[in-house]
């Protein structure tokens, strides 16, 4: 069995941290994958025009991750990456 690539892993994790239902999770997952493509283009010097809207979207996503971690996840006693990943795995299989 092949492991998911890092972008797929991160986007899925973000989706479960900030998405409150299946549709929102799908939207966040796709959004992060799109943002990562822009990041890759910039990092490889292939894209530099009009990245401000994507930057704002990335900052908004980062803010939502932090808020969700502080408000929804940490109060449940999830205080480590191992516990966070176990929590996300439980969410993934409960859908």
C-alpha atoms as a PDB file:
ATOM      1  CA  UNK A   1       0.000   0.000   0.000  1.00  0.00           C
ATOM      2  CA  UNK A   2       1.335   3.427  -0.966  1.00  0.00           C
ATOM      3  CA  UNK A   3       1.433   6.266   1.550  1.00  0.00           C
ATOM      4  CA  UNK A   4      -0.287   9.531   0.712  1.00  0.00           C
ATOM      5  CA  UNK A   5       1.983  12.329  -0.378  1.00  0.00           C
ATOM      6  CA  UNK A   6       2.695  15.106   2.100  1.00  0.00           C
ATOM      7  CA  UNK A   7       0.268  17.568   0.462  1.00  0.00           C
ATOM      8  CA  UNK A   8      -2.558  15.039   0.692  1.00  0.00           C
ATOM      9  CA  UNK A   9      -1.731  14.331   4.334  1.00  0.00           C
ATOM     10  CA  UNK A  10      -1.565  18.006   5.299  1.00  0.00           C
ATOM     11  CA  UNK A  11      -4.704  18.959   3.386  1.00  0.00           C
ATOM     12  CA  UNK A  12      -6.678  16.125   4.947  1.00  0.00           C
ATOM     13  CA  UNK A  13      -5.429  17.020   8.424  1.00  0.00           C
ATOM     14  CA  UNK A  14      -6.384  20.678   7.914  1.00  0.00           C
ATOM     15  CA  UNK A  15      -9.801  19.636   6.633  1.00  0.00           C
ATOM     16  CA  UNK A  16     -10.495  17.628   9.779  1.00  0.00           C
ATOM     17  CA  UNK A  17      -9.163  20.324  12.108  1.00  0.00           C
ATOM     18  CA  UNK A  18     -11.290  23.160  10.745  1.00  0.00           C
ATOM     19  CA  UNK A  19     -14.067  21.473   8.776  1.00  0.00           C
ATOM     20  CA  UNK A  20     -17.229  20.815  10.750  1.00  0.00           C
ATOM     21  CA  UNK A  21     -18.948  18.574   8.209  1.00  0.00           C
ATOM     22  CA  UNK A  22     -18.162  16.523   5.116  1.00  0.00           C
ATOM     23  CA  UNK A  23     -18.807  19.299   2.599  1.00  0.00           C
ATOM     24  CA  UNK A  24     -16.718  21.863   4.483  1.00  0.00           C
ATOM     25  CA  UNK A  25     -13.896  19.338   4.863  1.00  0.00           C
ATOM     26  CA  UNK A  26     -13.900  18.696   1.120  1.00  0.00           C
ATOM     27  CA  UNK A  27     -13.785  22.443   0.478  1.00  0.00           C
ATOM     28  CA  UNK A  28     -10.883  23.021   2.890  1.00  0.00           C
ATOM     29  CA  UNK A  29      -8.962  20.051   1.528  1.00  0.00           C
ATOM     30  CA  UNK A  30      -9.275  21.295  -2.063  1.00  0.00           C
ATOM     31  CA  UNK A  31      -8.503  24.870  -1.040  1.00  0.00           C
ATOM     32  CA  UNK A  32      -5.271  23.865   0.687  1.00  0.00           C
ATOM     33  CA  UNK A  33      -4.192  21.762  -2.291  1.00  0.00           C
ATOM     34  CA  UNK A  34      -4.774  24.765  -4.569  1.00  0.00           C
ATOM     35  CA  UNK A  35      -2.816  27.037  -2.234  1.00  0.00           C
ATOM     36  CA  UNK A  36       0.025  24.538  -2.153  1.00  0.00           C
ATOM     37  CA  UNK A  37       0.201  24.574  -5.954  1.00  0.00           C
ATOM     38  CA  UNK A  38       0.593  28.364  -5.849  1.00  0.00           C
ATOM     39  CA  UNK A  39       3.293  28.000  -3.175  1.00  0.00           C
ATOM     40  CA  UNK A  40       5.152  25.517  -5.356  1.00  0.00           C
ATOM     41  CA  UNK A  41       5.025  27.797  -8.384  1.00  0.00           C
ATOM     42  CA  UNK A  42       6.378  30.706  -6.358  1.00  0.00           C
ATOM     43  CA  UNK A  43       9.087  28.588  -4.754  1.00  0.00           C
ATOM     44  CA  UNK A  44      10.251  27.385  -8.167  1.00  0.00           C
ATOM     45  CA  UNK A  45      10.143  30.842  -9.725  1.00  0.00           C
ATOM     46  CA  UNK A  46       7.330  30.038 -12.152  1.00  0.00           C
ATOM     47  CA  UNK A  47       4.649  32.313 -10.740  1.00  0.00           C
ATOM     48  CA  UNK A  48       4.889  35.710  -9.108  1.00  0.00           C
ATOM     49  CA  UNK A  49       1.963  37.791 -10.379  1.00  0.00           C
ATOM     50  CA  UNK A  50      -1.190  38.404  -8.398  1.00  0.00           C
ATOM     51  CA  UNK A  51      -0.483  36.122  -5.424  1.00  0.00           C
ATOM     52  CA  UNK A  52      -1.965  38.504  -2.855  1.00  0.00           C
ATOM     53  CA  UNK A  53      -5.464  36.902  -2.923  1.00  0.00           C
ATOM     54  CA  UNK A  54      -3.926  33.457  -2.348  1.00  0.00           C
ATOM     55  CA  UNK A  55      -1.775  34.900   0.455  1.00  0.00           C
ATOM     56  CA  UNK A  56      -4.892  36.300   2.152  1.00  0.00           C
ATOM     57  CA  UNK A  57      -6.630  32.945   1.766  1.00  0.00           C
ATOM     58  CA  UNK A  58      -3.630  31.148   3.276  1.00  0.00           C
ATOM     59  CA  UNK A  59      -3.599  33.540   6.244  1.00  0.00           C
ATOM     60  CA  UNK A  60      -7.347  33.012   6.730  1.00  0.00           C
ATOM     61  CA  UNK A  61      -6.855  29.233   6.711  1.00  0.00           C
ATOM     62  CA  UNK A  62      -3.964  29.495   9.194  1.00  0.00           C
ATOM     63  CA  UNK A  63      -6.117  31.644  11.502  1.00  0.00           C
ATOM     64  CA  UNK A  64      -8.945  29.104  11.329  1.00  0.00           C
ATOM     65  CA  UNK A  65      -6.563  26.276  12.176  1.00  0.00           C
ATOM     66  CA  UNK A  66      -5.273  28.071  15.271  1.00  0.00           C
ATOM     67  CA  UNK A  67      -8.771  29.024  16.427  1.00  0.00           C
ATOM     68  CA  UNK A  68     -10.071  25.501  15.922  1.00  0.00           C
ATOM     69  CA  UNK A  69      -7.124  24.014  17.797  1.00  0.00           C
ATOM     70  CA  UNK A  70      -7.632  26.391  20.726  1.00  0.00           C
ATOM     71  CA  UNK A  71     -11.432  26.292  20.884  1.00  0.00           C
ATOM     72  CA  UNK A  72     -12.405  22.816  19.699  1.00  0.00           C
ATOM     73  CA  UNK A  73      -9.481  20.472  20.053  1.00  0.00           C
ATOM     74  CA  UNK A  74      -7.323  21.433  23.044  1.00  0.00           C
ATOM     75  CA  UNK A  75     -10.304  21.504  25.462  1.00  0.00           C
ATOM     76  CA  UNK A  76     -10.788  17.815  24.652  1.00  0.00           C
ATOM     77  CA  UNK A  77      -7.375  17.057  26.157  1.00  0.00           C
ATOM     78  CA  UNK A  78      -5.598  16.720  22.824  1.00  0.00           C
ATOM     79  CA  UNK A  79      -2.197  18.097  23.731  1.00  0.00           C
ATOM     80  CA  UNK A  80       0.208  16.417  21.321  1.00  0.00           C
ATOM     81  CA  UNK A  81       0.560  15.635  17.637  1.00  0.00           C
ATOM     82  CA  UNK A  82       0.139  11.928  18.367  1.00  0.00           C
ATOM     83  CA  UNK A  83      -3.195  12.565  20.075  1.00  0.00           C
ATOM     84  CA  UNK A  84      -4.238  15.018  17.358  1.00  0.00           C
ATOM     85  CA  UNK A  85      -3.550  12.465  14.629  1.00  0.00           C
ATOM     86  CA  UNK A  86      -5.452   9.776  16.592  1.00  0.00           C
ATOM     87  CA  UNK A  87      -8.382  12.206  16.971  1.00  0.00           C
ATOM     88  CA  UNK A  88      -8.362  12.943  13.237  1.00  0.00           C
ATOM     89  CA  UNK A  89      -8.189   9.238  12.432  1.00  0.00           C
ATOM     90  CA  UNK A  90     -11.242   8.639  14.642  1.00  0.00           C
ATOM     91  CA  UNK A  91     -13.089  11.469  12.863  1.00  0.00           C
ATOM     92  CA  UNK A  92     -12.138  10.084   9.480  1.00  0.00           C
ATOM     93  CA  UNK A  93     -13.577   6.666  10.272  1.00  0.00           C
ATOM     94  CA  UNK A  94     -16.702   7.986  11.990  1.00  0.00           C
ATOM     95  CA  UNK A  95     -17.942   9.792   8.863  1.00  0.00           C
END
